[in-house]
All heavy atoms as atom14 arrays in JSON, in Angstrom:
{
  "sequence": "YAEKAVAPEALAWDVPDAIDDLTALGMIVQGASAWVLLRRSVHLE",
  "atom14_mask": [
    [1, 1, 1, 1, 1, 1, 1, 1, 1, 1, 1, 1, 0, 0],
    [1, 1, 1, 1, 1, 0, 0, 0, 0, 0, 0, 0, 0, 0],
    [1, 1, 1, 1, 1, 1, 1, 1, 1, 0, 0, 0, 0, 0],
    [1, 1, 1, 1, 1, 1, 1, 1, 1, 0, 0, 0, 0, 0],
    [1, 1, 1, 1, 1, 0, 0, 0, 0, 0, 0, 0, 0, 0],
    [1, 1, 1, 1, 1, 1, 1, 0, 0, 0, 0, 0, 0, 0],
    [1, 1, 1, 1, 1, 0, 0, 0, 0, 0, 0, 0, 0, 0],
    [1, 1, 1, 1, 1, 1, 1, 0, 0, 0, 0, 0, 0, 0],
    [1, 1, 1, 1, 1, 1, 1, 1, 1, 0, 0, 0, 0, 0],
    [1, 1, 1, 1, 1, 0, 0, 0, 0, 0, 0, 0, 0, 0],
    [1, 1, 1, 1, 1, 1, 1, 1, 0, 0, 0, 0, 0, 0],
    [1, 1, 1, 1, 1, 0, 0, 0, 0, 0, 0, 0, 0, 0],
    [1, 1, 1, 1, 1, 1, 1, 1, 1, 1, 1, 1, 1, 1],
    [1, 1, 1, 1, 1, 1, 1, 1, 0, 0, 0, 0, 0, 0],
    [1, 1, 1, 1, 1, 1, 1, 0, 0, 0, 0, 0, 0, 0],
    [1, 1, 1, 1, 1, 1, 1, 0, 0, 0, 0, 0, 0, 0],
    [1, 1, 1, 1, 1, 1, 1, 1, 0, 0, 0, 0, 0, 0],
    [1, 1, 1, 1, 1, 0, 0, 0, 0, 0, 0, 0, 0, 0],
    [1, 1, 1, 1, 1, 1, 1, 1, 0, 0, 0, 0, 0, 0],
    [1, 1, 1, 1, 1, 1, 1, 1, 0, 0, 0, 0, 0, 0],
    [1, 1, 1, 1, 1, 1, 1, 1, 0, 0, 0, 0, 0, 0],
    [1, 1, 1, 1, 1, 1, 1, 1, 0, 0, 0, 0, 0, 0],
    [1, 1, 1, 1, 1, 1, 1, 0, 0, 0, 0, 0, 0, 0],
    [1, 1, 1, 1, 1, 0, 0, 0, 0, 0, 0, 0, 0, 0],
    [1, 1, 1, 1, 1, 1, 1, 1, 0, 0, 0, 0, 0, 0],
    [1, 1, 1, 1, 0, 0, 0, 0, 0, 0, 0, 0, 0, 0],
    [1, 1, 1, 1, 1, 1, 1, 1, 0, 0, 0, 0, 0, 0],
    [1, 1, 1, 1, 1, 1, 1, 1, 0, 0, 0, 0, 0, 0],
    [1, 1, 1, 1, 1, 1, 1, 0, 0, 0, 0, 0, 0, 0],
    [1, 1, 1, 1, 1, 1, 1, 1, 1, 0, 0, 0, 0, 0],
    [1, 1, 1, 1, 0, 0, 0, 0, 0, 0, 0, 0, 0, 0],
    [1, 1, 1, 1, 1, 0, 0, 0, 0, 0, 0, 0, 0, 0],
    [1, 1, 1, 1, 1, 1, 0, 0, 0, 0, 0, 0, 0, 0],
    [1, 1, 1, 1, 1, 0, 0, 0, 0, 0, 0, 0, 0, 0],
    [1, 1, 1, 1, 1, 1, 1, 1, 1, 1, 1, 1, 1, 1],
    [1, 1, 1, 1, 1, 1, 1, 0, 0, 0, 0, 0, 0, 0],
    [1, 1, 1, 1, 1, 1, 1, 1, 0, 0, 0, 0, 0, 0],
    [1, 1, 1, 1, 1, 1, 1, 1, 0, 0, 0, 0, 0, 0],
    [1, 1, 1, 1, 1, 1, 1, 1, 1, 1, 1, 0, 0, 0],
    [1, 1, 1, 1, 1, 1, 1, 1, 1, 1, 1, 0, 0, 0],
    [1, 1, 1, 1, 1, 1, 0, 0, 0, 0, 0, 0, 0, 0],
    [1, 1, 1, 1, 1, 1, 1, 0, 0, 0, 0, 0, 0, 0],
    [1, 1, 1, 1, 1, 1, 1, 1, 1, 1, 0, 0, 0, 0],
    [1, 1, 1, 1, 1, 1, 1, 1, 0, 0, 0, 0, 0, 0],
    [1, 1, 1, 1, 1, 1, 1, 1, 1, 0, 0, 0, 0, 0]
  ],
  "atom14_positions": [
    [[-40.08, -173.4, -128.51], [-38.79, -173.89, -128.0], [-38.1, -172.76, -127.24], [-37.09, -172.2, -127.68], [-37.9, -174.34, -129.14], [-38.31, -175.59, -129.9], [-39.51, -176.25, -129.65], [-37.48, -176.1, -130.9], [-39.86, -177.38, -130.37], [-37.82, -177.24, -131.62], [-39.03, -177.87, -131.35], [-39.37, -179.0, -132.07], [0.0, 0.0, 0.0], [0.0, 0.0, 0.0]],
    [[-38.62, -172.4, -126.1], [-38.1, -171.25, -125.36], [-38.55, -171.32, -123.91], [-39.44, -172.09, -123.54], [-38.6, -169.95, -126.0], [0.0, 0.0, 0.0], [0.0, 0.0, 0.0], [0.0, 0.0, 0.0], [0.0, 0.0, 0.0], [0.0, 0.0, 0.0], [0.0, 0.0, 0.0], [0.0, 0.0, 0.0], [0.0, 0.0, 0.0], [0.0, 0.0, 0.0]],
    [[-37.93, -170.48, -123.07], [-38.32, -170.42, -121.66], [-39.64, -169.68, -121.47], [-40.34, -169.92, -120.48], [-37.21, -169.74, -120.86], [-35.93, -170.56, -120.79], [-34.82, -169.87, -120.02], [-34.6, -168.64, -120.26], [-34.18, -170.53, -119.19], [0.0, 0.0, 0.0], [0.0, 0.0, 0.0], [0.0, 0.0, 0.0], [0.0, 0.0, 0.0], [0.0, 0.0, 0.0]],
    [[-39.99, -168.8, -122.39], [-41.25, -168.07, -122.34], [-41.86, -168.06, -123.74], [-41.14, -168.02, -124.73], [-41.06, -166.64, -121.84], [-40.55, -166.53, -120.4], [-40.37, -165.07, -120.0], [-39.77, -164.95, -118.6], [-40.71, -165.43, -117.55], [0.0, 0.0, 0.0], [0.0, 0.0, 0.0], [0.0, 0.0, 0.0], [0.0, 0.0, 0.0], [0.0, 0.0, 0.0]],
    [[-43.19, -168.08, -123.78], [-43.88, -168.06, -125.07], [-45.17, -167.27, -124.93], [-45.7, -167.1, -123.82], [-44.16, -169.48, -125.54], [0.0, 0.0, 0.0], [0.0, 0.0, 0.0], [0.0, 0.0, 0.0], [0.0, 0.0, 0.0], [0.0, 0.0, 0.0], [0.0, 0.0, 0.0], [0.0, 0.0, 0.0], [0.0, 0.0, 0.0], [0.0, 0.0, 0.0]],
    [[-45.7, -166.83, -126.06], [-46.95, -166.09, -126.09], [-47.95, -166.87, -126.93], [-47.62, -167.34, -128.03], [-46.75, -164.68, -126.68], [-48.09, -164.0, -126.94], [-45.92, -163.83, -125.72], [0.0, 0.0, 0.0], [0.0, 0.0, 0.0], [0.0, 0.0, 0.0], [0.0, 0.0, 0.0], [0.0, 0.0, 0.0], [0.0, 0.0, 0.0], [0.0, 0.0, 0.0]],
    [[-49.17, -167.01, -126.4], [-50.22, -167.75, -127.11], [-51.49, -166.93, -127.17], [-51.81, -166.2, -126.22], [-50.51, -169.08, -126.39], [0.0, 0.0, 0.0], [0.0, 0.0, 0.0], [0.0, 0.0, 0.0], [0.0, 0.0, 0.0], [0.0, 0.0, 0.0], [0.0, 0.0, 0.0], [0.0, 0.0, 0.0], [0.0, 0.0, 0.0], [0.0, 0.0, 0.0]],
    [[-52.24, -167.04, -128.26], [-53.58, -166.42, -128.28], [-54.44, -167.05, -127.19], [-54.39, -168.26, -126.96], [-54.1, -166.77, -129.68], [-52.88, -167.11, -130.48], [-51.92, -167.71, -129.53], [0.0, 0.0, 0.0], [0.0, 0.0, 0.0], [0.0, 0.0, 0.0], [0.0, 0.0, 0.0], [0.0, 0.0, 0.0], [0.0, 0.0, 0.0], [0.0, 0.0, 0.0]],
    [[-55.23, -166.23, -126.51], [-56.09, -166.75, -125.44], [-57.03, -167.84, -125.96], [-57.34, -168.8, -125.25], [-56.9, -165.61, -124.83], [-56.07, -164.65, -123.99], [-56.92, -163.57, -123.33], [-58.17, -163.66, -123.41], [-56.34, -162.65, -122.74], [0.0, 0.0, 0.0], [0.0, 0.0, 0.0], [0.0, 0.0, 0.0], [0.0, 0.0, 0.0], [0.0, 0.0, 0.0]],
    [[-57.47, -167.7, -127.22], [-58.4, -168.68, -127.78], [-57.75, -170.03, -128.03], [-58.45, -171.03, -128.24], [-58.99, -168.15, -129.09], [0.0, 0.0, 0.0], [0.0, 0.0, 0.0], [0.0, 0.0, 0.0], [0.0, 0.0, 0.0], [0.0, 0.0, 0.0], [0.0, 0.0, 0.0], [0.0, 0.0, 0.0], [0.0, 0.0, 0.0], [0.0, 0.0, 0.0]],
    [[-56.41, -170.08, -128.03], [-55.7, -171.33, -128.29], [-54.97, -171.84, -127.05], [-54.0, -172.59, -127.15], [-54.7, -171.14, -129.44], [-55.31, -170.7, -130.78], [-54.22, -170.61, -131.84], [-56.42, -171.66, -131.22], [0.0, 0.0, 0.0], [0.0, 0.0, 0.0], [0.0, 0.0, 0.0], [0.0, 0.0, 0.0], [0.0, 0.0, 0.0], [0.0, 0.0, 0.0]],
    [[-55.46, -171.43, -125.88], [-54.91, -171.9, -124.6], [-56.04, -172.52, -123.79], [-57.14, -171.95, -123.71], [-54.26, -170.76, -123.84], [0.0, 0.0, 0.0], [0.0, 0.0, 0.0], [0.0, 0.0, 0.0], [0.0, 0.0, 0.0], [0.0, 0.0, 0.0], [0.0, 0.0, 0.0], [0.0, 0.0, 0.0], [0.0, 0.0, 0.0], [0.0, 0.0, 0.0]],
    [[-55.77, -173.67, -123.21], [-56.78, -174.4, -122.46], [-56.25, -174.76, -121.08], [-55.12, -175.22, -120.94], [-57.18, -175.68, -123.22], [-57.83, -175.4, -124.54], [-59.16, -175.23, -124.78], [-57.18, -175.25, -125.8], [-59.37, -174.97, -126.12], [-58.17, -174.99, -126.78], [-55.83, -175.32, -126.21], [-57.87, -174.79, -128.11], [-55.54, -175.11, -127.55], [-56.55, -174.86, -128.49]],
    [[-57.09, -174.57, -120.07], [-56.7, -174.93, -118.71], [-56.5, -176.43, -118.61], [-57.25, -177.22, -119.21], [-57.76, -174.47, -117.71], [-57.8, -172.96, -117.59], [-56.79, -172.38, -117.18], [-58.85, -172.36, -117.93], [0.0, 0.0, 0.0], [0.0, 0.0, 0.0], [0.0, 0.0, 0.0], [0.0, 0.0, 0.0], [0.0, 0.0, 0.0], [0.0, 0.0, 0.0]],
    [[-55.49, -176.82, -117.84], [-55.14, -178.24, -117.68], [-55.64, -178.72, -116.32], [-55.29, -178.12, -115.29], [-53.61, -178.44, -117.78], [-53.26, -179.91, -117.6], [-53.09, -177.92, -119.11], [0.0, 0.0, 0.0], [0.0, 0.0, 0.0], [0.0, 0.0, 0.0], [0.0, 0.0, 0.0], [0.0, 0.0, 0.0], [0.0, 0.0, 0.0], [0.0, 0.0, 0.0]],
    [[-56.44, -179.78, -116.28], [-56.9, -180.3, -114.99], [-55.73, -180.77, -114.13], [-54.68, -181.18, -114.64], [-57.79, -181.49, -115.39], [-58.17, -181.23, -116.81], [-57.02, -180.5, -117.42], [0.0, 0.0, 0.0], [0.0, 0.0, 0.0], [0.0, 0.0, 0.0], [0.0, 0.0, 0.0], [0.0, 0.0, 0.0], [0.0, 0.0, 0.0], [0.0, 0.0, 0.0]],
    [[-55.92, -180.73, -112.81], [-54.85, -181.13, -111.88], [-54.4, -182.57, -112.11], [-53.24, -182.91, -111.87], [-55.32, -180.96, -110.43], [-55.5, -179.5, -110.04], [-54.92, -178.63, -110.72], [-56.23, -179.24, -109.06], [0.0, 0.0, 0.0], [0.0, 0.0, 0.0], [0.0, 0.0, 0.0], [0.0, 0.0, 0.0], [0.0, 0.0, 0.0], [0.0, 0.0, 0.0]],
    [[-55.32, -183.42, -112.56], [-54.99, -184.84, -112.74], [-54.13, -185.11, -113.96], [-53.65, -186.24, -114.16], [-56.28, -185.66, -112.82], [0.0, 0.0, 0.0], [0.0, 0.0, 0.0], [0.0, 0.0, 0.0], [0.0, 0.0, 0.0], [0.0, 0.0, 0.0], [0.0, 0.0, 0.0], [0.0, 0.0, 0.0], [0.0, 0.0, 0.0], [0.0, 0.0, 0.0]],
    [[-53.91, -184.09, -114.79], [-53.19, -184.26, -116.06], [-51.79, -183.67, -115.93], [-51.64, -182.48, -115.64], [-53.95, -183.58, -117.22], [-55.36, -184.17, -117.35], [-53.19, -183.72, -118.52], [-55.4, -185.66, -117.63], [0.0, 0.0, 0.0], [0.0, 0.0, 0.0], [0.0, 0.0, 0.0], [0.0, 0.0, 0.0], [0.0, 0.0, 0.0], [0.0, 0.0, 0.0]],
    [[-50.76, -184.49, -116.14], [-49.38, -183.99, -116.05], [-48.97, -183.31, -117.35], [-49.71, -183.32, -118.34], [-48.41, -185.12, -115.67], [-48.38, -186.26, -116.68], [-48.77, -186.06, -117.85], [-47.96, -187.37, -116.31], [0.0, 0.0, 0.0], [0.0, 0.0, 0.0], [0.0, 0.0, 0.0], [0.0, 0.0, 0.0], [0.0, 0.0, 0.0], [0.0, 0.0, 0.0]],
    [[-47.77, -182.69, -117.33], [-47.31, -181.93, -118.49], [-47.23, -182.8, -119.74], [-47.62, -182.39, -120.84], [-45.94, -181.31, -118.22], [-46.01, -180.11, -117.29], [-47.14, -179.68, -116.95], [-44.94, -179.6, -116.91], [0.0, 0.0, 0.0], [0.0, 0.0, 0.0], [0.0, 0.0, 0.0], [0.0, 0.0, 0.0], [0.0, 0.0, 0.0], [0.0, 0.0, 0.0]],
    [[-46.67, -183.99, -119.6], [-46.52, -184.89, -120.75], [-47.87, -185.2, -121.38], [-48.03, -185.13, -122.61], [-45.82, -186.18, -120.33], [-45.77, -187.28, -121.4], [-44.8, -186.9, -122.51], [-45.38, -188.62, -120.79], [0.0, 0.0, 0.0], [0.0, 0.0, 0.0], [0.0, 0.0, 0.0], [0.0, 0.0, 0.0], [0.0, 0.0, 0.0], [0.0, 0.0, 0.0]],
    [[-48.85, -185.53, -120.55], [-50.18, -185.88, -121.07], [-50.83, -184.68, -121.72], [-51.45, -184.79, -122.79], [-51.06, -186.42, -119.94], [-50.42, -187.56, -119.35], [-52.43, -186.83, -120.46], [0.0, 0.0, 0.0], [0.0, 0.0, 0.0], [0.0, 0.0, 0.0], [0.0, 0.0, 0.0], [0.0, 0.0, 0.0], [0.0, 0.0, 0.0], [0.0, 0.0, 0.0]],
    [[-50.69, -183.5, -121.11], [-51.28, -182.3, -121.7], [-50.72, -182.04, -123.09], [-51.46, -181.77, -124.05], [-51.03, -181.1, -120.79], [0.0, 0.0, 0.0], [0.0, 0.0, 0.0], [0.0, 0.0, 0.0], [0.0, 0.0, 0.0], [0.0, 0.0, 0.0], [0.0, 0.0, 0.0], [0.0, 0.0, 0.0], [0.0, 0.0, 0.0], [0.0, 0.0, 0.0]],
    [[-49.39, -182.12, -123.22], [-48.77, -181.89, -124.52], [-49.1, -183.01, -125.51], [-49.25, -182.77, -126.71], [-47.25, -181.76, -124.37], [-46.76, -180.45, -123.77], [-45.27, -180.52, -123.47], [-47.05, -179.28, -124.7], [0.0, 0.0, 0.0], [0.0, 0.0, 0.0], [0.0, 0.0, 0.0], [0.0, 0.0, 0.0], [0.0, 0.0, 0.0], [0.0, 0.0, 0.0]],
    [[-49.19, -184.22, -125.02], [-49.51, -185.34, -125.91], [-50.91, -185.27, -126.47], [-51.18, -185.84, -127.54], [0.0, 0.0, 0.0], [0.0, 0.0, 0.0], [0.0, 0.0, 0.0], [0.0, 0.0, 0.0], [0.0, 0.0, 0.0], [0.0, 0.0, 0.0], [0.0, 0.0, 0.0], [0.0, 0.0, 0.0], [0.0, 0.0, 0.0], [0.0, 0.0, 0.0]],
    [[-51.81, -184.58, -125.78], [-53.2, -184.51, -126.23], [-53.48, -183.33, -127.15], [-54.35, -183.4, -128.0], [-54.14, -184.43, -125.02], [-54.15, -185.68, -124.16], [-54.51, -187.19, -125.11], [-54.6, -188.39, -123.77], [0.0, 0.0, 0.0], [0.0, 0.0, 0.0], [0.0, 0.0, 0.0], [0.0, 0.0, 0.0], [0.0, 0.0, 0.0], [0.0, 0.0, 0.0]],
    [[-52.74, -182.21, -127.0], [-53.15, -180.99, -127.69], [-52.98, -181.08, -129.21], [-53.75, -180.5, -129.96], [-52.42, -179.76, -127.12], [-53.08, -178.47, -127.63], [-50.94, -179.8, -127.44], [-52.57, -177.22, -126.98], [0.0, 0.0, 0.0], [0.0, 0.0, 0.0], [0.0, 0.0, 0.0], [0.0, 0.0, 0.0], [0.0, 0.0, 0.0], [0.0, 0.0, 0.0]],
    [[-51.98, -181.81, -129.68], [-51.83, -182.0, -131.13], [-52.05, -183.46, -131.5], [-52.95, -183.8, -132.27], [-50.44, -181.52, -131.63], [-50.22, -181.94, -133.08], [-50.36, -180.0, -131.53], [0.0, 0.0, 0.0], [0.0, 0.0, 0.0], [0.0, 0.0, 0.0], [0.0, 0.0, 0.0], [0.0, 0.0, 0.0], [0.0, 0.0, 0.0], [0.0, 0.0, 0.0]],
    [[-51.23, -184.37, -130.93], [-51.35, -185.78, -131.33], [-52.7, -186.39, -130.92], [-53.36, -187.05, -131.71], [-50.2, -186.6, -130.74], [-48.9, -186.47, -131.51], [-47.99, -185.42, -130.92], [-48.38, -184.69, -130.01], [-46.78, -185.33, -131.43], [0.0, 0.0, 0.0], [0.0, 0.0, 0.0], [0.0, 0.0, 0.0], [0.0, 0.0, 0.0], [0.0, 0.0, 0.0]],
    [[-53.09, -186.15, -129.67], [-54.36, -186.69, -129.22], [-55.53, -186.1, -129.97], [-56.44, -186.82, -130.41], [0.0, 0.0, 0.0], [0.0, 0.0, 0.0], [0.0, 0.0, 0.0], [0.0, 0.0, 0.0], [0.0, 0.0, 0.0], [0.0, 0.0, 0.0], [0.0, 0.0, 0.0], [0.0, 0.0, 0.0], [0.0, 0.0, 0.0], [0.0, 0.0, 0.0]],
    [[-55.53, -184.78, -130.13], [-56.61, -184.13, -130.87], [-56.63, -184.59, -132.33], [-57.71, -184.77, -132.92], [-56.47, -182.62, -130.79], [0.0, 0.0, 0.0], [0.0, 0.0, 0.0], [0.0, 0.0, 0.0], [0.0, 0.0, 0.0], [0.0, 0.0, 0.0], [0.0, 0.0, 0.0], [0.0, 0.0, 0.0], [0.0, 0.0, 0.0], [0.0, 0.0, 0.0]],
    [[-55.45, -184.81, -132.92], [-55.4, -185.31, -134.3], [-56.03, -186.69, -134.4], [-56.81, -186.96, -135.32], [-53.95, -185.35, -134.79], [-53.41, -184.06, -134.92], [0.0, 0.0, 0.0], [0.0, 0.0, 0.0], [0.0, 0.0, 0.0], [0.0, 0.0, 0.0], [0.0, 0.0, 0.0], [0.0, 0.0, 0.0], [0.0, 0.0, 0.0], [0.0, 0.0, 0.0]],
    [[-55.68, -187.58, -133.47], [-56.27, -188.92, -133.48], [-57.78, -188.84, -133.32], [-58.54, -189.56, -133.99], [-55.64, -189.77, -132.37], [0.0, 0.0, 0.0], [0.0, 0.0, 0.0], [0.0, 0.0, 0.0], [0.0, 0.0, 0.0], [0.0, 0.0, 0.0], [0.0, 0.0, 0.0], [0.0, 0.0, 0.0], [0.0, 0.0, 0.0], [0.0, 0.0, 0.0]],
    [[-58.24, -187.97, -132.43], [-59.67, -187.79, -132.18], [-60.37, -187.33, -133.46], [-61.4, -187.88, -133.85], [-59.85, -186.76, -131.07], [-61.23, -186.61, -130.5], [-61.73, -187.2, -129.37], [-62.3, -185.77, -131.01], [-63.02, -186.79, -129.14], [-63.39, -185.92, -130.13], [-62.4, -184.92, -132.1], [-64.6, -185.24, -130.33], [-63.61, -184.25, -132.31], [-64.69, -184.41, -131.43]],
    [[-59.82, -186.3, -134.12], [-60.44, -185.77, -135.33], [-60.39, -186.79, -136.46], [-61.37, -186.96, -137.2], [-59.75, -184.46, -135.75], [-60.23, -184.0, -137.13], [-60.01, -183.37, -134.72], [0.0, 0.0, 0.0], [0.0, 0.0, 0.0], [0.0, 0.0, 0.0], [0.0, 0.0, 0.0], [0.0, 0.0, 0.0], [0.0, 0.0, 0.0], [0.0, 0.0, 0.0]],
    [[-59.27, -187.48, -136.61], [-59.15, -188.48, -137.67], [-60.22, -189.56, -137.54], [-60.86, -189.93, -138.53], [-57.76, -189.12, -137.64], [-56.61, -188.27, -138.17], [-55.27, -188.84, -137.71], [-56.65, -188.17, -139.69], [0.0, 0.0, 0.0], [0.0, 0.0, 0.0], [0.0, 0.0, 0.0], [0.0, 0.0, 0.0], [0.0, 0.0, 0.0], [0.0, 0.0, 0.0]],
    [[-60.42, -190.05, -136.34], [-61.37, -191.15, -136.13], [-62.82, -190.66, -136.12], [-63.7, -191.31, -136.69], [-61.06, -191.88, -134.83], [-59.78, -192.71, -134.83], [-59.4, -193.15, -133.42], [-59.92, -193.93, -135.74], [0.0, 0.0, 0.0], [0.0, 0.0, 0.0], [0.0, 0.0, 0.0], [0.0, 0.0, 0.0], [0.0, 0.0, 0.0], [0.0, 0.0, 0.0]],
    [[-63.06, -189.51, -135.51], [-64.42, -189.01, -135.39], [-64.94, -188.37, -136.68], [-66.07, -188.62, -137.1], [-64.49, -187.96, -134.27], [-64.5, -188.53, -132.85], [-65.92, -188.83, -132.42], [-66.01, -189.03, -130.99], [-66.36, -190.18, -130.41], [-66.63, -191.24, -131.14], [-66.47, -190.26, -129.1], [0.0, 0.0, 0.0], [0.0, 0.0, 0.0], [0.0, 0.0, 0.0]],
    [[-64.1, -187.55, -137.32], [-64.6, -186.71, -138.42], [-64.04, -187.1, -139.78], [-64.7, -186.87, -140.8], [-64.3, -185.24, -138.14], [-64.96, -184.7, -136.89], [-64.81, -183.2, -136.79], [-65.64, -182.52, -137.79], [-66.78, -181.88, -137.51], [-67.22, -181.84, -136.28], [-67.46, -181.28, -138.46], [0.0, 0.0, 0.0], [0.0, 0.0, 0.0], [0.0, 0.0, 0.0]],
    [[-62.82, -187.63, -139.85], [-62.24, -187.94, -141.15], [-62.71, -189.29, -141.67], [-63.15, -189.4, -142.82], [-60.71, -187.91, -141.07], [-60.24, -186.62, -140.77], [0.0, 0.0, 0.0], [0.0, 0.0, 0.0], [0.0, 0.0, 0.0], [0.0, 0.0, 0.0], [0.0, 0.0, 0.0], [0.0, 0.0, 0.0], [0.0, 0.0, 0.0], [0.0, 0.0, 0.0]],
    [[-62.61, -190.34, -140.85], [-63.04, -191.67, -141.31], [-64.38, -192.07, -140.71], [-64.95, -193.09, -141.1], [-61.98, -192.75, -141.02], [-60.66, -192.42, -141.69], [-61.79, -192.99, -139.52], [0.0, 0.0, 0.0], [0.0, 0.0, 0.0], [0.0, 0.0, 0.0], [0.0, 0.0, 0.0], [0.0, 0.0, 0.0], [0.0, 0.0, 0.0], [0.0, 0.0, 0.0]],
    [[-64.9, -191.28, -139.76], [-66.22, -191.56, -139.17], [-66.32, -193.02, -138.73], [-67.2, -193.77, -139.15], [-67.34, -191.22, -140.15], [-67.36, -189.79, -140.58], [-67.88, -188.77, -139.81], [-66.85, -189.18, -141.69], [-67.74, -187.61, -140.43], [-67.11, -187.82, -141.56], [0.0, 0.0, 0.0], [0.0, 0.0, 0.0], [0.0, 0.0, 0.0], [0.0, 0.0, 0.0]],
    [[-65.41, -193.41, -137.85], [-65.35, -194.79, -137.41], [-66.67, -195.26, -136.81], [-67.25, -194.59, -135.95], [-64.23, -194.95, -136.37], [-64.08, -196.36, -135.77], [-63.57, -197.34, -136.82], [-63.14, -196.32, -134.56], [0.0, 0.0, 0.0], [0.0, 0.0, 0.0], [0.0, 0.0, 0.0], [0.0, 0.0, 0.0], [0.0, 0.0, 0.0], [0.0, 0.0, 0.0]],
    [[-67.13, -196.41, -137.27], [-68.32, -197.06, -136.72], [-67.9, -198.26, -135.88], [-66.92, -198.93, -136.19], [-69.24, -197.52, -137.86], [-69.82, -196.41, -138.71], [-70.95, -195.66, -138.02], [-71.44, -196.17, -136.98], [-71.33, -194.59, -138.5], [0.0, 0.0, 0.0], [0.0, 0.0, 0.0], [0.0, 0.0, 0.0], [0.0, 0.0, 0.0], [0.0, 0.0, 0.0]]
  ]
}
């Protein structure tokens, strides 16, 4: 929650031009959580 922030290089990912700020932020925690929950936690078939 600041104008500048510091991140570990290993936890920063380049954002494709087709992806806007909202989508990038929506995917890094919420999207990734949904992905992990369905793929690895409940192993959806």
